[in-house]
């Protein structure tokens, strides 16, 4: 588990917060507890959060669903699990339609809750790694110069160095230098591998 990832627990009842924090800590899951939605929003504004959110549905002054809506408006990308003690099925459906990871009805078993939170943390870790990989990919592409890009696209299309040299009116040796630089910057070893890298979807 990524050391930066935490269970961000929001519940306006201190006893519930303490009990859940103890439960997660006892399973080796780092927890950060908040007494209200606005308190979590302050933390959100202070910097990016990692992990998952566990929100009680019925809270004051901001309900879990209202908090979820506000976080979505701010670009929320973390898995969200809701806790509800009221069996409100339409509420659960609404939350899931808006992208909630899970909706857990009280009373719940401790082990079941921990397992669902662990699944959410694993999902977030996979999402974070995918985003990081795409960011590295974008930075590598951004490091390619305009002339290198012209050579790169032709190499990826399977054209020979001599053909590329003729098309760009440059020496074959110059094509070879640009080709080598592109391969080095993108971490590829062949034209086929380069084509595969360039075909990757961008997010």
Protein backbone atom coordinates (compact mmCIF):
# COMPACT_ATOMS: atom_id res chain seq x y z
CA UNK A 1 0.00 0.00 0.00
CA UNK A 2 1.30 3.45 -0.92
CA UNK A 3 2.39 5.25 2.29
CA UNK A 4 0.70 8.43 1.07
CA UNK A 5 -2.67 6.71 0.68
CA UNK A 6 -5.09 7.07 3.58
CA UNK A 7 -8.65 6.31 4.52
CA UNK A 8 -10.21 9.77 4.73
CA UNK A 9 -13.05 9.23 7.19
CA UNK A 10 -15.76 11.87 7.55
CA UNK A 11 -18.36 11.48 10.30
CA UNK A 12 -19.85 14.09 12.60
CA UNK A 13 -20.11 11.65 15.53
CA UNK A 14 -16.86 11.50 17.50
CA UNK A 15 -17.57 8.01 18.88
CA UNK A 16 -18.08 6.60 15.38
CA UNK A 17 -14.95 8.32 14.08
CA UNK A 18 -12.86 6.93 16.92
CA UNK A 19 -14.25 3.40 16.56
CA UNK A 20 -13.70 3.30 12.80
CA UNK A 21 -10.24 4.86 13.07
CA UNK A 22 -9.29 2.19 15.61
CA UNK A 23 -10.67 -0.54 13.33
CA UNK A 24 -8.66 0.60 10.33
CA UNK A 25 -5.50 1.20 12.34
CA UNK A 26 -5.77 -2.32 13.76
CA UNK A 27 -5.66 -3.62 10.16
CA UNK A 28 -2.65 -1.52 9.25
CA UNK A 29 -4.62 1.08 7.28
CA UNK A 30 -3.63 4.73 7.82
CA UNK A 31 -6.61 6.93 8.66
CA UNK A 32 -7.26 10.64 8.72
CA UNK A 33 -10.54 11.57 10.41
CA UNK A 34 -12.67 14.67 9.83
CA UNK A 35 -15.59 15.92 11.92
CA UNK A 36 -17.45 17.48 8.98
CA UNK A 37 -17.59 17.96 5.25
CA UNK A 38 -16.17 21.51 5.40
CA UNK A 39 -13.20 20.17 7.37
CA UNK A 40 -12.43 17.68 4.59
CA UNK A 41 -12.86 20.41 1.96
CA UNK A 42 -10.25 22.51 3.79
CA UNK A 43 -7.82 19.59 3.64
CA UNK A 44 -8.68 19.05 -0.03
CA UNK A 45 -7.92 22.69 -0.81
CA UNK A 46 -4.55 22.46 0.98
CA UNK A 47 -3.19 19.83 -1.41
CA UNK A 48 -3.93 16.60 -3.27
CA UNK A 49 -5.20 13.68 -1.22
CA UNK A 50 -4.45 10.01 -1.83
CA UNK A 51 -6.42 6.94 -0.82
CA UNK A 52 -10.19 6.70 -0.51
CA UNK A 53 -13.03 8.58 1.17
CA UNK A 54 -15.46 7.03 3.65
CA UNK A 55 -18.42 9.37 4.11
CA UNK A 56 -21.37 9.09 6.44
CA UNK A 57 -24.56 9.98 4.58
CA UNK A 58 -26.32 11.82 7.41
CA UNK A 59 -24.10 14.63 8.64
CA UNK A 60 -24.32 18.28 9.60
CA UNK A 61 -23.83 20.90 8.30
CA UNK A 62 -23.19 19.10 4.99
CA UNK A 63 -24.50 15.63 4.16
CA UNK A 64 -22.27 12.98 2.67
CA UNK A 65 -24.05 13.32 -0.67
CA UNK A 66 -23.66 17.12 -0.66
CA UNK A 67 -19.97 16.68 0.16
CA UNK A 68 -19.62 14.19 -2.69
CA UNK A 69 -21.24 16.65 -5.12
CA UNK A 70 -18.87 19.42 -4.01
CA UNK A 71 -15.84 17.16 -4.39
CA UNK A 72 -16.98 16.09 -7.86
CA UNK A 73 -17.19 19.76 -8.81
CA UNK A 74 -13.58 20.12 -7.66
CA UNK A 75 -12.37 17.23 -9.80
CA UNK A 76 -12.60 14.33 -7.36
CA UNK A 77 -10.84 11.20 -8.64
CA UNK A 78 -10.68 9.14 -5.42
CA UNK A 79 -12.95 6.17 -4.68
CA UNK A 80 -15.82 7.12 -2.36
CA UNK A 81 -17.62 4.75 -0.02
CA UNK A 82 -20.81 5.82 1.75
CA UNK A 83 -22.04 4.64 5.14
CA UNK A 84 -25.78 4.78 5.70
CA UNK A 85 -27.90 3.62 8.61
CA UNK A 86 -31.21 4.40 6.96
CA UNK A 87 -31.56 1.86 4.16
CA UNK A 88 -32.26 4.58 1.63
CA UNK A 89 -32.08 2.67 -1.65
CA UNK A 90 -32.80 5.67 -3.93
CA UNK A 91 -30.00 7.52 -2.15
CA UNK A 92 -27.63 4.62 -2.78
CA UNK A 93 -28.58 4.45 -6.45
CA UNK A 94 -28.01 8.19 -6.85
CA UNK A 95 -24.59 7.96 -5.21
CA UNK A 96 -23.53 5.02 -7.39
CA UNK A 97 -24.74 6.77 -10.54
CA UNK A 98 -22.47 9.68 -9.64
CA UNK A 99 -19.50 7.38 -9.45
CA UNK A 100 -19.41 6.24 -5.82
CA UNK A 101 -17.26 3.15 -5.31
CA UNK A 102 -19.56 1.49 -2.77
CA UNK A 103 -22.58 2.09 -0.53
CA UNK A 104 -22.51 0.28 2.81
CA UNK A 105 -25.59 -0.06 4.98
CA UNK A 106 -25.34 -0.10 8.78
CA UNK A 107 -25.00 -2.31 10.70
CA UNK A 108 -22.02 -3.78 8.89
CA UNK A 109 -19.44 -6.39 9.83
CA UNK A 110 -16.00 -5.03 10.64
CA UNK A 111 -14.17 -7.46 8.37
CA UNK A 112 -16.52 -6.78 5.46
CA UNK A 113 -16.03 -3.02 5.83
CA UNK A 114 -12.25 -3.35 6.00
CA UNK A 115 -12.21 -5.55 2.90
CA UNK A 116 -14.29 -3.07 0.93
CA UNK A 117 -12.05 -0.19 1.99
CA UNK A 118 -8.98 -2.23 1.04
CA UNK A 119 -10.47 -2.82 -2.42
CA UNK A 120 -11.05 0.92 -2.77
CA UNK A 121 -7.44 1.66 -1.78
CA UNK A 122 -6.14 -0.88 -4.29
CA UNK A 123 -8.31 0.64 -7.02
CA UNK A 124 -6.97 4.11 -6.23
CA UNK A 125 -3.38 2.85 -6.24
CA UNK A 126 -3.91 1.38 -9.73
CA UNK A 127 -5.49 4.63 -10.95
CA UNK A 128 -2.63 6.67 -9.49
CA UNK A 129 -0.01 4.47 -11.15
CA UNK A 130 -1.81 4.75 -14.49
CA UNK A 131 -1.93 8.55 -14.20
CA UNK A 132 1.74 8.68 -13.22
CA UNK A 133 2.65 6.50 -16.19
CA UNK A 134 0.70 8.77 -18.55
CA UNK A 135 2.36 11.85 -17.07
CA UNK A 136 5.81 10.32 -17.63
CA UNK A 137 4.80 9.43 -21.18
CA UNK A 138 3.61 12.99 -21.83
CA UNK A 139 6.83 14.48 -20.46
CA UNK A 140 8.93 12.24 -22.70
CA UNK A 141 6.93 13.24 -25.76
CA UNK A 142 7.21 16.90 -24.80
CA UNK A 143 11.01 16.58 -24.76
CA UNK A 144 11.05 15.64 -28.47
CA UNK A 145 12.01 18.57 -30.71
CA UNK A 146 10.03 19.51 -33.80
CA UNK A 147 12.60 18.01 -36.18
CA UNK A 148 12.84 14.87 -34.03
CA UNK A 149 9.06 14.63 -34.16
CA UNK A 150 9.09 14.75 -37.96
CA UNK A 151 11.59 11.91 -38.03
CA UNK A 152 9.80 10.04 -35.25
CA UNK A 153 6.46 9.91 -37.06
CA UNK A 154 8.09 8.63 -40.24
CA UNK A 155 10.11 6.00 -38.38
CA UNK A 156 6.93 4.84 -36.60
CA UNK A 157 5.26 4.56 -40.00
CA UNK A 158 7.98 2.11 -41.05
CA UNK A 159 9.86 4.34 -43.48
CA UNK A 160 13.56 3.73 -44.13
CA UNK A 161 16.17 6.29 -43.11
CA UNK A 162 16.98 7.11 -46.75
CA UNK A 163 13.33 7.76 -47.57
CA UNK A 164 12.98 10.00 -44.51
CA UNK A 165 16.14 11.88 -45.49
CA UNK A 166 14.76 12.50 -48.98
CA UNK A 167 11.37 13.67 -47.67
CA UNK A 168 12.92 16.09 -45.16
CA UNK A 169 15.83 17.11 -47.41
CA UNK A 170 18.44 16.21 -44.79
CA UNK A 171 21.35 13.80 -44.67
CA UNK A 172 20.83 10.14 -43.81
CA UNK A 173 23.29 10.55 -40.96
CA UNK A 174 21.15 13.38 -39.56
CA UNK A 175 18.12 11.10 -39.68
CA UNK A 176 20.09 8.45 -37.80
CA UNK A 177 21.04 10.97 -35.09
CA UNK A 178 17.46 12.17 -34.66
CA UNK A 179 16.21 8.58 -34.64
CA UNK A 180 18.68 7.62 -31.91
CA UNK A 181 17.68 10.64 -29.80
CA UNK A 182 13.98 9.83 -30.11
CA UNK A 183 14.58 6.21 -29.13
CA UNK A 184 16.59 7.35 -26.11
CA UNK A 185 14.02 9.93 -24.97
CA UNK A 186 11.07 7.55 -25.29
CA UNK A 187 12.91 4.50 -24.00
CA UNK A 188 12.27 2.33 -27.08
CA UNK A 189 14.60 0.10 -29.10
CA UNK A 190 12.80 -0.42 -32.40
CA UNK A 191 10.44 1.24 -34.86
CA UNK A 192 7.73 -1.26 -33.91
CA UNK A 193 8.09 -0.39 -30.22
CA UNK A 194 8.01 3.31 -31.10
CA UNK A 195 4.77 2.83 -33.05
CA UNK A 196 3.23 1.04 -30.07
CA UNK A 197 4.21 3.86 -27.70
CA UNK A 198 2.77 6.52 -30.00
CA UNK A 199 -0.47 4.56 -30.35
CA UNK A 200 -1.11 4.64 -26.60
CA UNK A 201 -4.23 6.62 -25.64
CA UNK A 202 -3.58 9.88 -23.85
CA UNK A 203 -5.57 11.02 -20.77
